[in-house]
PDB file of N, CA and C in Angstrom:
ATOM      1  N   UNK A   1     116.925 107.325 -38.621  1.00  0.00           N
ATOM      2  CA  UNK A   1     116.340 106.015 -38.630  1.00  0.00           C
ATOM      3  C   UNK A   1     116.738 105.297 -39.909  1.00  0.00           C
ATOM      4  N   UNK A   2     116.893 104.037 -39.774  1.00  0.00           N
ATOM      5  CA  UNK A   2     117.197 103.208 -40.936  1.00  0.00           C
ATOM      6  C   UNK A   2     116.230 102.040 -40.930  1.00  0.00           C
ATOM      7  N   UNK A   3     115.860 101.639 -42.111  1.00  0.00           N
ATOM      8  CA  UNK A   3     114.948 100.516 -42.221  1.00  0.00           C
ATOM      9  C   UNK A   3     114.515 100.305 -43.646  1.00  0.00           C
ATOM     10  N   UNK A   4     113.442  99.605 -43.802  1.00  0.00           N
ATOM     11  CA  UNK A   4     112.913  99.222 -45.102  1.00  0.00           C
ATOM     12  C   UNK A   4     111.601  99.983 -45.324  1.00  0.00           C
ATOM     13  N   UNK A   5     111.506 100.697 -46.436  1.00  0.00           N
ATOM     14  CA  UNK A   5     110.304 101.461 -46.773  1.00  0.00           C
ATOM     15  C   UNK A   5     109.441 100.638 -47.709  1.00  0.00           C
ATOM     16  N   UNK A   6     108.165 100.560 -47.383  1.00  0.00           N
ATOM     17  CA  UNK A   6     107.221  99.848 -48.242  1.00  0.00           C
ATOM     18  C   UNK A   6     106.970 100.665 -49.499  1.00  0.00           C
ATOM     19  N   UNK A   7     106.882 100.013 -50.631  1.00  0.00           N
ATOM     20  CA  UNK A   7     106.535 100.693 -51.870  1.00  0.00           C
ATOM     21  C   UNK A   7     105.050 101.012 -51.958  1.00  0.00           C
ATOM     22  N   UNK A   8     104.266 100.345 -51.130  1.00  0.00           N
ATOM     23  CA  UNK A   8     102.820 100.550 -51.131  1.00  0.00           C
ATOM     24  C   UNK A   8     102.473 101.891 -50.475  1.00  0.00           C
ATOM     25  N   UNK A   9     101.608 102.642 -51.125  1.00  0.00           N
ATOM     26  CA  UNK A   9     101.143 103.913 -50.573  1.00  0.00           C
ATOM     27  C   UNK A   9      99.977 103.621 -49.635  1.00  0.00           C
ATOM     28  N   UNK A  10     100.124 104.045 -48.373  1.00  0.00           N
ATOM     29  CA  UNK A  10      99.072 103.817 -47.384  1.00  0.00           C
ATOM     30  C   UNK A  10      98.028 104.913 -47.394  1.00  0.00           C
ATOM     31  N   UNK A  11      98.418 106.087 -47.854  1.00  0.00           N
ATOM     32  CA  UNK A  11      97.486 107.199 -47.906  1.00  0.00           C
ATOM     33  C   UNK A  11      98.183 108.449 -48.396  1.00  0.00           C
ATOM     34  N   UNK A  12      97.405 109.449 -48.717  1.00  0.00           N
ATOM     35  CA  UNK A  12      97.932 110.743 -49.153  1.00  0.00           C
ATOM     36  C   UNK A  12      97.095 111.842 -48.519  1.00  0.00           C
ATOM     37  N   UNK A  13      97.689 113.014 -48.407  1.00  0.00           N
ATOM     38  CA  UNK A  13      96.939 114.182 -47.958  1.00  0.00           C
ATOM     39  C   UNK A  13      97.669 115.435 -48.416  1.00  0.00           C
ATOM     40  N   UNK A  14      96.984 116.548 -48.392  1.00  0.00           N
ATOM     41  CA  UNK A  14      97.529 117.830 -48.803  1.00  0.00           C
ATOM     42  C   UNK A  14      97.326 118.825 -47.671  1.00  0.00           C
ATOM     43  N   UNK A  15      98.316 119.686 -47.447  1.00  0.00           N
ATOM     44  CA  UNK A  15      98.161 120.743 -46.448  1.00  0.00           C
ATOM     45  C   UNK A  15      99.025 121.929 -46.837  1.00  0.00           C
ATOM     46  N   UNK A  16      98.784 123.036 -46.181  1.00  0.00           N
ATOM     47  CA  UNK A  16      99.585 124.241 -46.406  1.00  0.00           C
ATOM     48  C   UNK A  16     100.414 124.504 -45.159  1.00  0.00           C
ATOM     49  N   UNK A  17     101.700 124.662 -45.354  1.00  0.00           N
ATOM     50  CA  UNK A  17     102.611 124.966 -44.261  1.00  0.00           C
ATOM     51  C   UNK A  17     102.668 126.485 -44.114  1.00  0.00           C
ATOM     52  N   UNK A  18     102.692 126.964 -42.882  1.00  0.00           N
ATOM     53  CA  UNK A  18     102.726 128.412 -42.683  1.00  0.00           C
ATOM     54  C   UNK A  18     103.952 129.013 -43.366  1.00  0.00           C
ATOM     55  N   UNK A  19     103.747 130.162 -43.978  1.00  0.00           N
ATOM     56  CA  UNK A  19     104.813 130.832 -44.690  1.00  0.00           C
ATOM     57  C   UNK A  19     105.002 130.367 -46.126  1.00  0.00           C
ATOM     58  N   UNK A  20     104.196 129.405 -46.563  1.00  0.00           N
ATOM     59  CA  UNK A  20     104.298 128.895 -47.946  1.00  0.00           C
ATOM     60  C   UNK A  20     103.018 129.262 -48.698  1.00  0.00           C
ATOM     61  N   UNK A  21     103.167 129.575 -49.966  1.00  0.00           N
ATOM     62  CA  UNK A  21     102.003 129.940 -50.779  1.00  0.00           C
ATOM     63  C   UNK A  21     101.475 128.779 -51.604  1.00  0.00           C
ATOM     64  N   UNK A  22     102.069 127.623 -51.485  1.00  0.00           N
ATOM     65  CA  UNK A  22     101.644 126.493 -52.291  1.00  0.00           C
ATOM     66  C   UNK A  22     101.324 125.306 -51.375  1.00  0.00           C
ATOM     67  N   UNK A  23     100.454 124.424 -51.839  1.00  0.00           N
ATOM     68  CA  UNK A  23     100.118 123.242 -51.027  1.00  0.00           C
ATOM     69  C   UNK A  23     101.228 122.193 -51.075  1.00  0.00           C
ATOM     70  N   UNK A  24     101.369 121.484 -49.995  1.00  0.00           N
ATOM     71  CA  UNK A  24     102.306 120.363 -49.929  1.00  0.00           C
ATOM     72  C   UNK A  24     101.502 119.076 -50.051  1.00  0.00           C
ATOM     73  N   UNK A  25     101.928 118.193 -50.926  1.00  0.00           N
ATOM     74  CA  UNK A  25     101.262 116.912 -51.132  1.00  0.00           C
ATOM     75  C   UNK A  25     102.125 115.824 -50.485  1.00  0.00           C
ATOM     76  N   UNK A  26     101.547 115.089 -49.563  1.00  0.00           N
ATOM     77  CA  UNK A  26     102.277 114.087 -48.783  1.00  0.00           C
ATOM     78  C   UNK A  26     101.787 112.697 -49.154  1.00  0.00           C
ATOM     79  N   UNK A  27     102.730 111.789 -49.375  1.00  0.00           N
ATOM     80  CA  UNK A  27     102.436 110.381 -49.606  1.00  0.00           C
ATOM     81  C   UNK A  27     102.972 109.608 -48.414  1.00  0.00           C
ATOM     82  N   UNK A  28     102.134 108.785 -47.788  1.00  0.00           N
ATOM     83  CA  UNK A  28     102.500 108.065 -46.569  1.00  0.00           C
ATOM     84  C   UNK A  28     102.838 106.611 -46.910  1.00  0.00           C
ATOM     85  N   UNK A  29     104.013 106.185 -46.439  1.00  0.00           N
ATOM     86  CA  UNK A  29     104.484 104.812 -46.583  1.00  0.00           C
ATOM     87  C   UNK A  29     104.835 104.280 -45.202  1.00  0.00           C
ATOM     88  N   UNK A  30     104.970 102.975 -45.081  1.00  0.00           N
ATOM     89  CA  UNK A  30     105.420 102.364 -43.829  1.00  0.00           C
ATOM     90  C   UNK A  30     106.936 102.233 -43.869  1.00  0.00           C
ATOM     91  N   UNK A  31     107.572 102.535 -42.733  1.00  0.00           N
ATOM     92  CA  UNK A  31     108.993 102.279 -42.565  1.00  0.00           C
ATOM     93  C   UNK A  31     109.129 101.191 -41.509  1.00  0.00           C
ATOM     94  N   UNK A  32     109.681 100.054 -41.913  1.00  0.00           N
ATOM     95  CA  UNK A  32     109.966  98.965 -40.980  1.00  0.00           C
ATOM     96  C   UNK A  32     111.318  99.300 -40.358  1.00  0.00           C
ATOM     97  N   UNK A  33     111.305  99.855 -39.153  1.00  0.00           N
ATOM     98  CA  UNK A  33     112.499 100.413 -38.516  1.00  0.00           C
ATOM     99  C   UNK A  33     113.445  99.299 -38.064  1.00  0.00           C
ATOM    100  N   UNK A  34     114.705  99.415 -38.489  1.00  0.00           N
ATOM    101  CA  UNK A  34     115.732  98.458 -38.091  1.00  0.00           C
ATOM    102  C   UNK A  34     116.725  99.083 -37.117  1.00  0.00           C
ATOM    103  N   UNK A  35     116.908 100.412 -37.208  1.00  0.00           N
ATOM    104  CA  UNK A  35     117.901 101.097 -36.384  1.00  0.00           C
ATOM    105  C   UNK A  35     117.427 102.523 -36.127  1.00  0.00           C
ATOM    106  N   UNK A  36     117.656 103.011 -34.909  1.00  0.00           N
ATOM    107  CA  UNK A  36     117.227 104.357 -34.527  1.00  0.00           C
ATOM    108  C   UNK A  36     118.454 105.179 -34.146  1.00  0.00           C
ATOM    109  N   UNK A  37     118.553 106.389 -34.700  1.00  0.00           N
ATOM    110  CA  UNK A  37     119.636 107.311 -34.348  1.00  0.00           C
ATOM    111  C   UNK A  37     119.110 108.321 -33.326  1.00  0.00           C
ATOM    112  N   UNK A  38     119.916 108.591 -32.294  1.00  0.00           N
ATOM    113  CA  UNK A  38     119.520 109.605 -31.315  1.00  0.00           C
ATOM    114  C   UNK A  38     119.706 111.008 -31.867  1.00  0.00           C
ATOM    115  N   UNK A  39     120.651 111.171 -32.778  1.00  0.00           N
ATOM    116  CA  UNK A  39     120.926 112.470 -33.376  1.00  0.00           C
ATOM    117  C   UNK A  39     120.317 112.495 -34.771  1.00  0.00           C
ATOM    118  N   UNK A  40     119.375 113.413 -34.994  1.00  0.00           N
ATOM    119  CA  UNK A  40     118.758 113.564 -36.311  1.00  0.00           C
ATOM    120  C   UNK A  40     118.539 115.045 -36.552  1.00  0.00           C
ATOM    121  N   UNK A  41     118.358 115.475 -37.804  1.00  0.00           N
ATOM    122  CA  UNK A  41     118.338 116.904 -38.124  1.00  0.00           C
ATOM    123  C   UNK A  41     117.392 117.760 -37.273  1.00  0.00           C
ATOM    124  N   UNK A  42     116.246 117.247 -36.883  1.00  0.00           N
ATOM    125  CA  UNK A  42     115.293 118.063 -36.117  1.00  0.00           C
ATOM    126  C   UNK A  42     115.257 117.678 -34.638  1.00  0.00           C
ATOM    127  N   UNK A  43     116.310 117.031 -34.142  1.00  0.00           N
ATOM    128  CA  UNK A  43     116.292 116.530 -32.763  1.00  0.00           C
ATOM    129  C   UNK A  43     116.125 117.637 -31.727  1.00  0.00           C
ATOM    130  N   UNK A  44     116.549 118.860 -32.033  1.00  0.00           N
ATOM    131  CA  UNK A  44     116.378 119.970 -31.087  1.00  0.00           C
ATOM    132  C   UNK A  44     114.944 120.498 -31.098  1.00  0.00           C
ATOM    133  N   UNK A  45     114.198 120.214 -32.156  1.00  0.00           N
ATOM    134  CA  UNK A  45     112.843 120.744 -32.304  1.00  0.00           C
ATOM    135  C   UNK A  45     111.752 119.716 -32.064  1.00  0.00           C
ATOM    136  N   UNK A  46     112.071 118.442 -32.164  1.00  0.00           N
ATOM    137  CA  UNK A  46     111.049 117.401 -32.075  1.00  0.00           C
ATOM    138  C   UNK A  46     111.388 116.398 -30.988  1.00  0.00           C
ATOM    139  N   UNK A  47     110.353 115.880 -30.402  1.00  0.00           N
ATOM    140  CA  UNK A  47     110.490 114.827 -29.408  1.00  0.00           C
ATOM    141  C   UNK A  47     109.900 113.563 -29.999  1.00  0.00           C
ATOM    142  N   UNK A  48     110.673 112.514 -30.058  1.00  0.00           N
ATOM    143  CA  UNK A  48     110.210 111.255 -30.640  1.00  0.00           C
ATOM    144  C   UNK A  48     109.514 110.439 -29.550  1.00  0.00           C
ATOM    145  N   UNK A  49     108.379 109.862 -29.912  1.00  0.00           N
ATOM    146  CA  UNK A  49     107.651 109.014 -28.980  1.00  0.00           C
ATOM    147  C   UNK A  49     107.022 107.883 -29.782  1.00  0.00           C
ATOM    148  N   UNK A  50     107.286 106.656 -29.383  1.00  0.00           N
ATOM    149  CA  UNK A  50     106.720 105.491 -30.057  1.00  0.00           C
ATOM    150  C   UNK A  50     105.404 105.142 -29.377  1.00  0.00           C
ATOM    151  N   UNK A  51     104.350 105.063 -30.168  1.00  0.00           N
ATOM    152  CA  UNK A  51     103.031 104.718 -29.643  1.00  0.00           C
ATOM    153  C   UNK A  51     102.381 103.698 -30.566  1.00  0.00           C
ATOM    154  N   UNK A  52     101.443 102.918 -30.046  1.00  0.00           N
ATOM    155  CA  UNK A  52     100.702 102.002 -30.917  1.00  0.00           C
ATOM    156  C   UNK A  52      99.885 102.784 -31.945  1.00  0.00           C
ATOM    157  N   UNK A  53      99.616 102.159 -33.055  1.00  0.00           N
ATOM    158  CA  UNK A  53      98.828 102.790 -34.111  1.00  0.00           C
ATOM    159  C   UNK A  53      97.493 103.308 -33.578  1.00  0.00           C
ATOM    160  N   UNK A  54      96.919 102.603 -32.624  1.00  0.00           N
ATOM    161  CA  UNK A  54      95.623 103.011 -32.075  1.00  0.00           C
ATOM    162  C   UNK A  54      95.697 104.367 -31.378  1.00  0.00           C
ATOM    163  N   UNK A  55      96.890 104.779 -30.938  1.00  0.00           N
ATOM    164  CA  UNK A  55      97.053 106.081 -30.280  1.00  0.00           C
ATOM    165  C   UNK A  55      97.626 107.158 -31.197  1.00  0.00           C
ATOM    166  N   UNK A  56      98.219 106.763 -32.301  1.00  0.00           N
ATOM    167  CA  UNK A  56      98.993 107.683 -33.133  1.00  0.00           C
ATOM    168  C   UNK A  56      98.185 108.888 -33.626  1.00  0.00           C
ATOM    169  N   UNK A  57      96.949 108.698 -34.021  1.00  0.00           N
ATOM    170  CA  UNK A  57      96.144 109.806 -34.564  1.00  0.00           C
ATOM    171  C   UNK A  57      95.936 110.918 -33.541  1.00  0.00           C
ATOM    172  N   UNK A  58      95.969 110.590 -32.270  1.00  0.00           N
ATOM    173  CA  UNK A  58      95.792 111.614 -31.224  1.00  0.00           C
ATOM    174  C   UNK A  58      97.025 112.498 -31.080  1.00  0.00           C
ATOM    175  N   UNK A  59      98.168 112.039 -31.582  1.00  0.00           N
ATOM    176  CA  UNK A  59      99.425 112.757 -31.387  1.00  0.00           C
ATOM    177  C   UNK A  59      99.841 113.632 -32.568  1.00  0.00           C
ATOM    178  N   UNK A  60      99.128 113.572 -33.677  1.00  0.00           N
ATOM    179  CA  UNK A  60      99.501 114.384 -34.843  1.00  0.00           C
ATOM    180  C   UNK A  60      98.538 115.550 -34.990  1.00  0.00           C
ATOM    181  N   UNK A  61      99.022 116.620 -35.630  1.00  0.00           N
ATOM    182  CA  UNK A  61      98.208 117.826 -35.788  1.00  0.00           C
ATOM    183  C   UNK A  61      97.563 117.962 -37.159  1.00  0.00           C
ATOM    184  N   UNK A  62      98.166 117.372 -38.178  1.00  0.00           N
ATOM    185  CA  UNK A  62      97.632 117.503 -39.534  1.00  0.00           C
ATOM    186  C   UNK A  62      96.371 116.659 -39.687  1.00  0.00           C
ATOM    187  N   UNK A  63      95.223 117.283 -40.020  1.00  0.00           N
ATOM    188  CA  UNK A  63      93.983 116.517 -40.183  1.00  0.00           C
ATOM    189  C   UNK A  63      94.095 115.400 -41.222  1.00  0.00           C
ATOM    190  N   UNK A  64      94.802 115.636 -42.313  1.00  0.00           N
ATOM    191  CA  UNK A  64      94.948 114.610 -43.344  1.00  0.00           C
ATOM    192  C   UNK A  64      95.709 113.400 -42.846  1.00  0.00           C
ATOM    193  N   UNK A  65      96.762 113.628 -42.052  1.00  0.00           N
ATOM    194  CA  UNK A  65      97.519 112.512 -41.490  1.00  0.00           C
ATOM    195  C   UNK A  65      96.684 111.769 -40.452  1.00  0.00           C
ATOM    196  N   UNK A  66      95.896 112.499 -39.673  1.00  0.00           N
ATOM    197  CA  UNK A  66      94.976 111.849 -38.729  1.00  0.00           C
ATOM    198  C   UNK A  66      94.058 110.894 -39.472  1.00  0.00           C
ATOM    199  N   UNK A  67      93.530 111.340 -40.611  1.00  0.00           N
ATOM    200  CA  UNK A  67      92.631 110.495 -41.404  1.00  0.00           C
ATOM    201  C   UNK A  67      93.335 109.233 -41.901  1.00  0.00           C
ATOM    202  N   UNK A  68      94.575 109.377 -42.379  1.00  0.00           N
ATOM    203  CA  UNK A  68      95.333 108.218 -42.858  1.00  0.00           C
ATOM    204  C   UNK A  68      95.540 107.228 -41.714  1.00  0.00           C
ATOM    205  N   UNK A  69      95.915 107.714 -40.536  1.00  0.00           N
ATOM    206  CA  UNK A  69      96.159 106.833 -39.384  1.00  0.00           C
ATOM    207  C   UNK A  69      94.874 106.166 -38.916  1.00  0.00           C
ATOM    208  N   UNK A  70      93.786 106.895 -38.922  1.00  0.00           N
ATOM    209  CA  UNK A  70      92.496 106.298 -38.532  1.00  0.00           C
ATOM    210  C   UNK A  70      92.087 105.213 -39.519  1.00  0.00           C
ATOM    211  N   UNK A  71      92.327 105.458 -40.807  1.00  0.00           N
ATOM    212  CA  UNK A  71      92.004 104.466 -41.827  1.00  0.00           C
ATOM    213  C   UNK A  71      92.822 103.194 -41.602  1.00  0.00           C
ATOM    214  N   UNK A  72      94.105 103.349 -41.298  1.00  0.00           N
ATOM    215  CA  UNK A  72      94.951 102.180 -41.037  1.00  0.00           C
ATOM    216  C   UNK A  72      94.496 101.429 -39.792  1.00  0.00           C
ATOM    217  N   UNK A  73      94.071 102.180 -38.793  1.00  0.00           N
ATOM    218  CA  UNK A  73      93.605 101.546 -37.564  1.00  0.00           C
ATOM    219  C   UNK A  73      92.392 100.670 -37.838  1.00  0.00           C
ATOM    220  N   UNK A  74      91.534 101.130 -38.741  1.00  0.00           N
ATOM    221  CA  UNK A  74      90.325 100.358 -39.053  1.00  0.00           C
ATOM    222  C   UNK A  74      90.577  99.261 -40.089  1.00  0.00           C
ATOM    223  N   UNK A  75      91.713  99.342 -40.798  1.00  0.00           N
ATOM    224  CA  UNK A  75      92.048  98.346 -41.822  1.00  0.00           C
ATOM    225  C   UNK A  75      93.509  97.920 -41.682  1.00  0.00           C
ATOM    226  N   UNK A  76      93.889  97.276 -40.562  1.00  0.00           N
ATOM    227  CA  UNK A  76      95.298  96.936 -40.357  1.00  0.00           C
ATOM    228  C   UNK A  76      95.885  96.000 -41.395  1.00  0.00           C
ATOM    229  N   UNK A  77      95.059  95.302 -42.147  1.00  0.00           N
ATOM    230  CA  UNK A  77      95.568  94.407 -43.191  1.00  0.00           C
ATOM    231  C   UNK A  77      96.291  95.177 -44.292  1.00  0.00           C
ATOM    232  N   UNK A  78      96.097  96.516 -44.378  1.00  0.00           N
ATOM    233  CA  UNK A  78      96.784  97.326 -45.371  1.00  0.00           C
ATOM    234  C   UNK A  78      98.271  97.467 -45.052  1.00  0.00           C
ATOM    235  N   UNK A  79      98.666  97.183 -43.807  1.00  0.00           N
ATOM    236  CA  UNK A  79     100.065  97.308 -43.441  1.00  0.00           C
ATOM    237  C   UNK A  79     100.882  96.187 -44.083  1.00  0.00           C
ATOM    238  N   UNK A  80     101.964  96.529 -44.809  1.00  0.00           N
ATOM    239  CA  UNK A  80     102.695  95.510 -45.559  1.00  0.00           C
ATOM    240  C   UNK A  80     103.653  94.658 -44.740  1.00  0.00           C
ATOM    241  N   UNK A  81     104.012  95.094 -43.529  1.00  0.00           N
ATOM    242  CA  UNK A  81     104.952  94.334 -42.707  1.00  0.00           C
ATOM    243  C   UNK A  81     104.203  93.790 -41.493  1.00  0.00           C
ATOM    244  N   UNK A  82     104.653  92.641 -40.997  1.00  0.00           N
ATOM    245  CA  UNK A  82     103.983  92.081 -39.801  1.00  0.00           C
ATOM    246  C   UNK A  82     104.231  92.907 -38.558  1.00  0.00           C
TER     247      UNK A  82
END
């Protein structure tokens, strides 16, 4: 994917990935998508699906990311792009 990344941080969360002994700290930004590639490094492992923000939290597994998406859903003015 290619596009413009917002400098504004929309949210953060921490989680532990299986097989790792340390926590991963994630910072969430908006990507204003301009171009989509069909071939990407994890294309054999992941299925891409575009959904409205109101549905996005139901499709992710990380509780911290669910919280960030729910927060955005309740405060859409935080999104930097129209």
